[in-house]
Amino acid sequence: MKFFTAHTRLDREPVLLAEGFRWGAFLFGPFWLFRHRAYIPAALDAAILISIPVLAGGAWQVVLLLTAAILLGLNGNDLRRWSLARRGFLLSDVVAARDAEAALATFLARRPEQASRVR
């Protein structure tokens, strides 16, 4: 069972974000954030990833890059939530379901007025 947060805005369809580690964020870093329209965190992460090799050398460079990737994997969806809030989305519900499709169905059962916004 996974937990999802549902974010809504009047003129958009709801966005559901899963809790937990994001492998895409871990592996692709700022590109993953940019794809999910989290532009400010993407720019900050890119700046961090560029500055680590400049400021650190040897084994520290590897340790710091791996640490940055792990932290982004753990907090990737939190950065997406922050970006959604900046764009006017509100946290509407927390849903427990086996997958995203079941989570959306549960959310729409709880909030039927949102069904007209889903494509």
C-alpha atoms as a PDB file:
ATOM      1  CA  MET A   1       0.000   0.000   0.000  1.00  0.00           C
ATOM      2  CA  LYS A   2       1.378   3.396  -1.043  1.00  0.00           C
ATOM      3  CA  PHE A   3       0.420   6.863   0.069  1.00  0.00           C
ATOM      4  CA  PHE A   4      -0.357   9.606  -2.435  1.00  0.00           C
ATOM      5  CA  THR A   5      -0.994  13.297  -1.919  1.00  0.00           C
ATOM      6  CA  ALA A   6      -3.630  14.900  -4.144  1.00  0.00           C
ATOM      7  CA  HIS A   7      -3.095  18.498  -5.232  1.00  0.00           C
ATOM      8  CA  THR A   8      -5.840  20.493  -6.915  1.00  0.00           C
ATOM      9  CA  ARG A   9      -6.341  23.820  -8.635  1.00  0.00           C
ATOM     10  CA  LEU A  10      -9.590  25.163 -10.053  1.00  0.00           C
ATOM     11  CA  ASP A  11      -8.477  25.252 -13.689  1.00  0.00           C
ATOM     12  CA  ARG A  12      -6.346  22.066 -13.746  1.00  0.00           C
ATOM     13  CA  GLU A  13      -6.788  18.364 -13.285  1.00  0.00           C
ATOM     14  CA  PRO A  14      -5.654  16.945  -9.927  1.00  0.00           C
ATOM     15  CA  VAL A  15      -2.021  15.906  -9.507  1.00  0.00           C
ATOM     16  CA  LEU A  16      -1.233  12.846  -7.384  1.00  0.00           C
ATOM     17  CA  LEU A  17       2.269  12.403  -5.984  1.00  0.00           C
ATOM     18  CA  ALA A  18       3.467   9.177  -4.394  1.00  0.00           C
ATOM     19  CA  GLU A  19       5.411   9.142  -1.160  1.00  0.00           C
ATOM     20  CA  GLY A  20       8.789   7.467  -1.105  1.00  0.00           C
ATOM     21  CA  PHE A  21      12.099   7.280  -2.907  1.00  0.00           C
ATOM     22  CA  ARG A  22      12.116   8.489  -6.534  1.00  0.00           C
ATOM     23  CA  TRP A  23      14.606   6.595  -8.661  1.00  0.00           C
ATOM     24  CA  GLY A  24      14.207   9.092 -11.491  1.00  0.00           C
ATOM     25  CA  ALA A  25      15.272  11.936  -9.229  1.00  0.00           C
ATOM     26  CA  PHE A  26      18.210   9.891  -7.935  1.00  0.00           C
ATOM     27  CA  LEU A  27      19.458   8.952 -11.410  1.00  0.00           C
ATOM     28  CA  PHE A  28      18.638  12.052 -13.451  1.00  0.00           C
ATOM     29  CA  GLY A  29      18.640  14.836 -10.826  1.00  0.00           C
ATOM     30  CA  PRO A  30      17.846  18.269 -12.229  1.00  0.00           C
ATOM     31  CA  PHE A  31      16.542  16.817 -15.521  1.00  0.00           C
ATOM     32  CA  TRP A  32      13.868  14.919 -13.548  1.00  0.00           C
ATOM     33  CA  LEU A  33      12.915  18.073 -11.656  1.00  0.00           C
ATOM     34  CA  PHE A  34      12.805  20.113 -14.869  1.00  0.00           C
ATOM     35  CA  ARG A  35      10.555  17.507 -16.516  1.00  0.00           C
ATOM     36  CA  HIS A  36       8.129  17.884 -13.600  1.00  0.00           C
ATOM     37  CA  ARG A  37       8.159  21.688 -13.890  1.00  0.00           C
ATOM     38  CA  ALA A  38      10.062  22.201 -10.634  1.00  0.00           C
ATOM     39  CA  TYR A  39      12.311  24.807 -12.233  1.00  0.00           C
ATOM     40  CA  ILE A  40      13.749  26.523  -9.149  1.00  0.00           C
ATOM     41  CA  PRO A  41      14.770  23.257  -7.432  1.00  0.00           C
ATOM     42  CA  ALA A  42      16.166  22.015 -10.767  1.00  0.00           C
ATOM     43  CA  ALA A  43      18.348  25.103 -11.108  1.00  0.00           C
ATOM     44  CA  LEU A  44      19.537  24.858  -7.499  1.00  0.00           C
ATOM     45  CA  ASP A  45      20.322  21.158  -7.842  1.00  0.00           C
ATOM     46  CA  ALA A  46      22.217  21.797 -11.080  1.00  0.00           C
ATOM     47  CA  ALA A  47      24.230  24.523  -9.341  1.00  0.00           C
ATOM     48  CA  ILE A  48      25.067  22.138  -6.506  1.00  0.00           C
ATOM     49  CA  LEU A  49      26.075  19.353  -8.873  1.00  0.00           C
ATOM     50  CA  ILE A  50      28.283  21.738 -10.850  1.00  0.00           C
ATOM     51  CA  SER A  51      29.910  23.273  -7.767  1.00  0.00           C
ATOM     52  CA  ILE A  52      30.809  19.960  -6.091  1.00  0.00           C
ATOM     53  CA  PRO A  53      33.514  18.976  -8.618  1.00  0.00           C
ATOM     54  CA  VAL A  54      34.841  22.545  -8.595  1.00  0.00           C
ATOM     55  CA  LEU A  55      35.109  22.766  -4.799  1.00  0.00           C
ATOM     56  CA  ALA A  56      35.896  19.182  -3.809  1.00  0.00           C
ATOM     57  CA  GLY A  57      38.385  16.708  -5.131  1.00  0.00           C
ATOM     58  CA  GLY A  58      39.179  13.037  -4.948  1.00  0.00           C
ATOM     59  CA  ALA A  59      37.037  10.813  -2.767  1.00  0.00           C
ATOM     60  CA  TRP A  60      35.108  13.757  -1.313  1.00  0.00           C
ATOM     61  CA  GLN A  61      33.762  14.593  -4.742  1.00  0.00           C
ATOM     62  CA  VAL A  62      32.272  11.112  -5.153  1.00  0.00           C
ATOM     63  CA  VAL A  63      30.851  11.117  -1.627  1.00  0.00           C
ATOM     64  CA  LEU A  64      29.247  14.545  -2.043  1.00  0.00           C
ATOM     65  CA  LEU A  65      27.772  13.753  -5.470  1.00  0.00           C
ATOM     66  CA  LEU A  66      26.320  10.474  -4.202  1.00  0.00           C
ATOM     67  CA  THR A  67      24.940  12.213  -1.109  1.00  0.00           C
ATOM     68  CA  ALA A  68      23.292  14.900  -3.256  1.00  0.00           C
ATOM     69  CA  ALA A  69      21.735  12.220  -5.485  1.00  0.00           C
ATOM     70  CA  ILE A  70      20.415  10.241  -2.510  1.00  0.00           C
ATOM     71  CA  LEU A  71      18.954  13.359  -0.903  1.00  0.00           C
ATOM     72  CA  LEU A  72      17.230  14.287  -4.148  1.00  0.00           C
ATOM     73  CA  GLY A  73      15.862  10.755  -4.482  1.00  0.00           C
ATOM     74  CA  LEU A  74      14.438  10.974  -0.970  1.00  0.00           C
ATOM     75  CA  ASN A  75      13.046  14.502  -1.322  1.00  0.00           C
ATOM     76  CA  GLY A  76      12.216  14.752  -5.027  1.00  0.00           C
ATOM     77  CA  ASN A  77       8.449  14.708  -4.621  1.00  0.00           C
ATOM     78  CA  ASP A  78       8.672  17.123  -1.695  1.00  0.00           C
ATOM     79  CA  LEU A  79      10.327  19.593  -4.079  1.00  0.00           C
ATOM     80  CA  ARG A  80       7.573  18.912  -6.601  1.00  0.00           C
ATOM     81  CA  ARG A  81       4.949  19.610  -3.900  1.00  0.00           C
ATOM     82  CA  TRP A  82       6.647  22.901  -3.120  1.00  0.00           C
ATOM     83  CA  SER A  83       6.650  23.824  -6.820  1.00  0.00           C
ATOM     84  CA  LEU A  84       2.980  22.868  -7.162  1.00  0.00           C
ATOM     85  CA  ALA A  85       2.130  25.077  -4.166  1.00  0.00           C
ATOM     86  CA  ARG A  86       3.992  27.969  -5.802  1.00  0.00           C
ATOM     87  CA  ARG A  87       1.830  27.473  -8.915  1.00  0.00           C
ATOM     88  CA  GLY A  88      -1.384  27.661  -6.896  1.00  0.00           C
ATOM     89  CA  PHE A  89      -2.146  23.988  -6.254  1.00  0.00           C
ATOM     90  CA  LEU A  90      -3.575  23.122  -2.863  1.00  0.00           C
ATOM     91  CA  LEU A  91      -3.028  19.911  -0.938  1.00  0.00           C
ATOM     92  CA  SER A  92      -6.528  18.411  -1.037  1.00  0.00           C
ATOM     93  CA  ASP A  93      -6.227  14.877   0.258  1.00  0.00           C
ATOM     94  CA  VAL A  94      -3.941  12.021   1.235  1.00  0.00           C
ATOM     95  CA  VAL A  95      -4.901   8.696  -0.318  1.00  0.00           C
ATOM     96  CA  ALA A  96      -3.687   5.172   0.409  1.00  0.00           C
ATOM     97  CA  ALA A  97      -3.845   2.837  -2.587  1.00  0.00           C
ATOM     98  CA  ARG A  98      -1.896   0.107  -4.368  1.00  0.00           C
ATOM     99  CA  ASP A  99      -1.067   2.266  -7.425  1.00  0.00           C
ATOM    100  CA  ALA A 100      -1.676   5.695  -8.946  1.00  0.00           C
ATOM    101  CA  GLU A 101      -4.772   4.592 -10.848  1.00  0.00           C
ATOM    102  CA  ALA A 102      -6.439   3.242  -7.699  1.00  0.00           C
ATOM    103  CA  ALA A 103      -5.397   6.382  -5.822  1.00  0.00           C
ATOM    104  CA  LEU A 104      -7.066   8.578  -8.446  1.00  0.00           C
ATOM    105  CA  ALA A 105     -10.236   6.469  -8.279  1.00  0.00           C
ATOM    106  CA  THR A 106     -10.312   6.760  -4.486  1.00  0.00           C
ATOM    107  CA  PHE A 107      -9.696  10.505  -4.648  1.00  0.00           C
ATOM    108  CA  LEU A 108     -12.481  11.013  -7.198  1.00  0.00           C
ATOM    109  CA  ALA A 109     -14.855   8.925  -5.078  1.00  0.00           C
ATOM    110  CA  ARG A 110     -14.145  11.237  -2.145  1.00  0.00           C
ATOM    111  CA  ARG A 111     -14.211  14.433  -4.222  1.00  0.00           C
ATOM    112  CA  PRO A 112     -16.656  13.860  -7.118  1.00  0.00           C
ATOM    113  CA  GLU A 113     -16.553  17.538  -8.141  1.00  0.00           C
ATOM    114  CA  GLN A 114     -12.990  16.916  -9.355  1.00  0.00           C
ATOM    115  CA  ALA A 115     -14.104  14.259 -11.875  1.00  0.00           C
ATOM    116  CA  SER A 116     -14.967  16.879 -14.502  1.00  0.00           C
ATOM    117  CA  ARG A 117     -11.327  18.053 -14.548  1.00  0.00           C
ATOM    118  CA  VAL A 118      -9.820  14.621 -15.244  1.00  0.00           C
ATOM    119  CA  ARG A 119      -9.018  13.874 -18.879  1.00  0.00           C
END
